[in-house]
Amino acid sequence: YEQMKKDAIMIKDWEDRNKLRFFEARPRPTQIQIRYSWIVNSLDLATTIYALETMDNVREGNFILGEKPSTEEVIALKLFVLPLIHQNSNTHQMVWFNSVVTAAVINNLYVIHRYD
């Protein structure tokens, strides 16, 4: 039993060292904040792709992607950026980040409704 506890500590230590964490952000985001982030970013991804693929007069607002990015580019950016944000933000920064993405989803839904 003692060996299992030691192994668990070693595994946890290894996992902490091998994340994409570039600086220590305390307090760390909660699992609920991370889960919400994945959900709201998935909604942002879905609404963005839908609008770009079905509406000619809609443009992407993210300057990194350009006005008419491909679906693959939109997905790749999310998959690259989200783990970095999750591992390098503190709980207060995650509140701000999740709020901004939630506002983006609301805006996407407004644009879809307006031009649909």
Protein backbone atom coordinates (compact mmCIF):
# COMPACT_ATOMS: atom_id res chain seq x y z
CA TYR A 1 0.00 0.00 0.00
CA GLU A 2 2.84 2.36 0.84
CA GLN A 3 4.49 1.63 -2.50
CA MET A 4 1.26 2.54 -4.33
CA LYS A 5 1.20 5.90 -2.52
CA LYS A 6 4.83 6.58 -3.46
CA ASP A 7 4.16 5.59 -7.08
CA ALA A 8 1.10 7.85 -7.21
CA ILE A 9 3.19 10.79 -5.98
CA MET A 10 5.89 10.06 -8.56
CA ILE A 11 3.32 9.82 -11.36
CA LYS A 12 1.68 13.10 -10.30
CA ASP A 13 5.08 14.80 -10.14
CA TRP A 14 5.94 13.50 -13.62
CA GLU A 15 2.62 14.72 -15.04
CA ASP A 16 3.09 18.18 -13.52
CA ARG A 17 6.58 18.48 -15.01
CA ASN A 18 5.51 17.37 -18.47
CA LYS A 19 2.67 19.76 -19.12
CA LEU A 20 2.92 22.82 -21.31
CA ARG A 21 3.28 25.02 -18.27
CA PHE A 22 5.76 27.83 -18.89
CA PHE A 23 5.22 29.61 -15.57
CA GLU A 24 3.48 28.82 -12.33
CA ALA A 25 -0.02 30.31 -12.27
CA ARG A 26 -1.64 30.21 -8.86
CA PRO A 27 -4.37 29.57 -7.97
CA ARG A 28 -4.77 27.08 -10.78
CA PRO A 29 -8.03 26.98 -12.73
CA THR A 30 -10.63 24.58 -11.37
CA GLN A 31 -11.74 21.52 -13.29
CA ILE A 32 -15.13 23.19 -13.74
CA GLN A 33 -13.47 26.22 -15.37
CA ILE A 34 -11.45 23.98 -17.68
CA ARG A 35 -14.52 21.92 -18.58
CA TYR A 36 -16.56 25.09 -19.24
CA SER A 37 -13.73 26.39 -21.40
CA TRP A 38 -13.75 23.26 -23.58
CA ILE A 39 -17.54 23.44 -23.91
CA VAL A 40 -17.76 27.14 -24.76
CA ASN A 41 -14.79 26.90 -27.14
CA SER A 42 -16.48 23.97 -28.87
CA LEU A 43 -19.58 26.11 -29.31
CA ASP A 44 -17.42 28.94 -30.64
CA LEU A 45 -15.77 26.53 -33.05
CA ALA A 46 -19.09 25.12 -34.27
CA THR A 47 -20.78 28.49 -34.74
CA THR A 48 -17.72 29.98 -36.44
CA ILE A 49 -17.39 27.10 -38.89
CA TYR A 50 -21.12 27.10 -39.60
CA ALA A 51 -21.16 30.83 -40.32
CA LEU A 52 -18.03 30.77 -42.48
CA GLU A 53 -19.21 27.79 -44.53
CA THR A 54 -22.82 28.83 -45.10
CA MET A 55 -22.70 32.62 -45.37
CA ASP A 56 -20.76 34.52 -48.01
CA ASN A 57 -20.86 37.91 -46.29
CA VAL A 58 -19.48 36.70 -42.92
CA ARG A 59 -15.81 37.21 -42.04
CA GLU A 60 -13.71 35.82 -39.21
CA GLY A 61 -12.82 38.41 -36.57
CA ASN A 62 -9.66 36.68 -35.30
CA PHE A 63 -6.71 38.47 -36.93
CA ILE A 64 -4.50 35.38 -36.60
CA LEU A 65 -6.74 33.37 -38.91
CA GLY A 66 -7.56 36.02 -41.50
CA GLU A 67 -10.98 36.79 -42.96
CA LYS A 68 -11.80 33.39 -44.53
CA PRO A 69 -9.88 30.60 -42.77
CA SER A 70 -10.40 26.95 -43.60
CA THR A 71 -12.14 24.66 -41.14
CA GLU A 72 -8.82 22.93 -40.45
CA GLU A 73 -7.14 26.23 -39.57
CA VAL A 74 -9.90 27.15 -37.11
CA ILE A 75 -9.73 23.74 -35.42
CA ALA A 76 -5.91 23.71 -35.35
CA LEU A 77 -5.75 27.11 -33.66
CA LYS A 78 -8.19 26.02 -30.94
CA LEU A 79 -6.34 22.75 -30.33
CA PHE A 80 -3.01 24.58 -30.11
CA VAL A 81 -4.09 27.54 -27.98
CA LEU A 82 -6.48 25.95 -25.48
CA PRO A 83 -3.99 23.62 -23.75
CA LEU A 84 -1.53 26.51 -23.43
CA ILE A 85 -4.16 28.75 -21.89
CA HIS A 86 -5.46 26.06 -19.55
CA GLN A 87 -1.99 25.24 -18.22
CA ASN A 88 -0.61 28.77 -17.97
CA SER A 89 -3.57 30.75 -16.62
CA ASN A 90 -4.68 31.21 -13.08
CA THR A 91 -8.29 30.94 -11.98
CA HIS A 92 -8.92 34.70 -12.37
CA GLN A 93 -7.52 34.75 -15.90
CA MET A 94 -9.73 31.77 -16.79
CA VAL A 95 -12.81 33.72 -15.67
CA TRP A 96 -11.84 36.52 -18.07
CA PHE A 97 -10.97 34.12 -20.89
CA ASN A 98 -14.20 32.14 -20.53
CA SER A 99 -16.21 35.38 -20.44
CA VAL A 100 -14.62 36.60 -23.68
CA VAL A 101 -15.26 33.31 -25.47
CA THR A 102 -18.85 33.25 -24.18
CA ALA A 103 -19.33 36.75 -25.62
CA ALA A 104 -17.87 35.51 -28.93
CA VAL A 105 -20.39 32.66 -29.04
CA ILE A 106 -23.25 35.08 -28.36
CA ASN A 107 -21.95 37.33 -31.13
CA ASN A 108 -21.65 34.36 -33.51
CA LEU A 109 -25.26 33.38 -32.79
CA TYR A 110 -26.37 36.98 -33.37
CA VAL A 111 -24.53 37.11 -36.71
CA ILE A 112 -25.95 33.74 -37.77
CA HIS A 113 -29.46 34.86 -36.88
CA ARG A 114 -28.98 38.20 -38.62
CA TYR A 115 -27.70 36.78 -41.94
CA ASP A 116 -29.58 33.47 -41.98
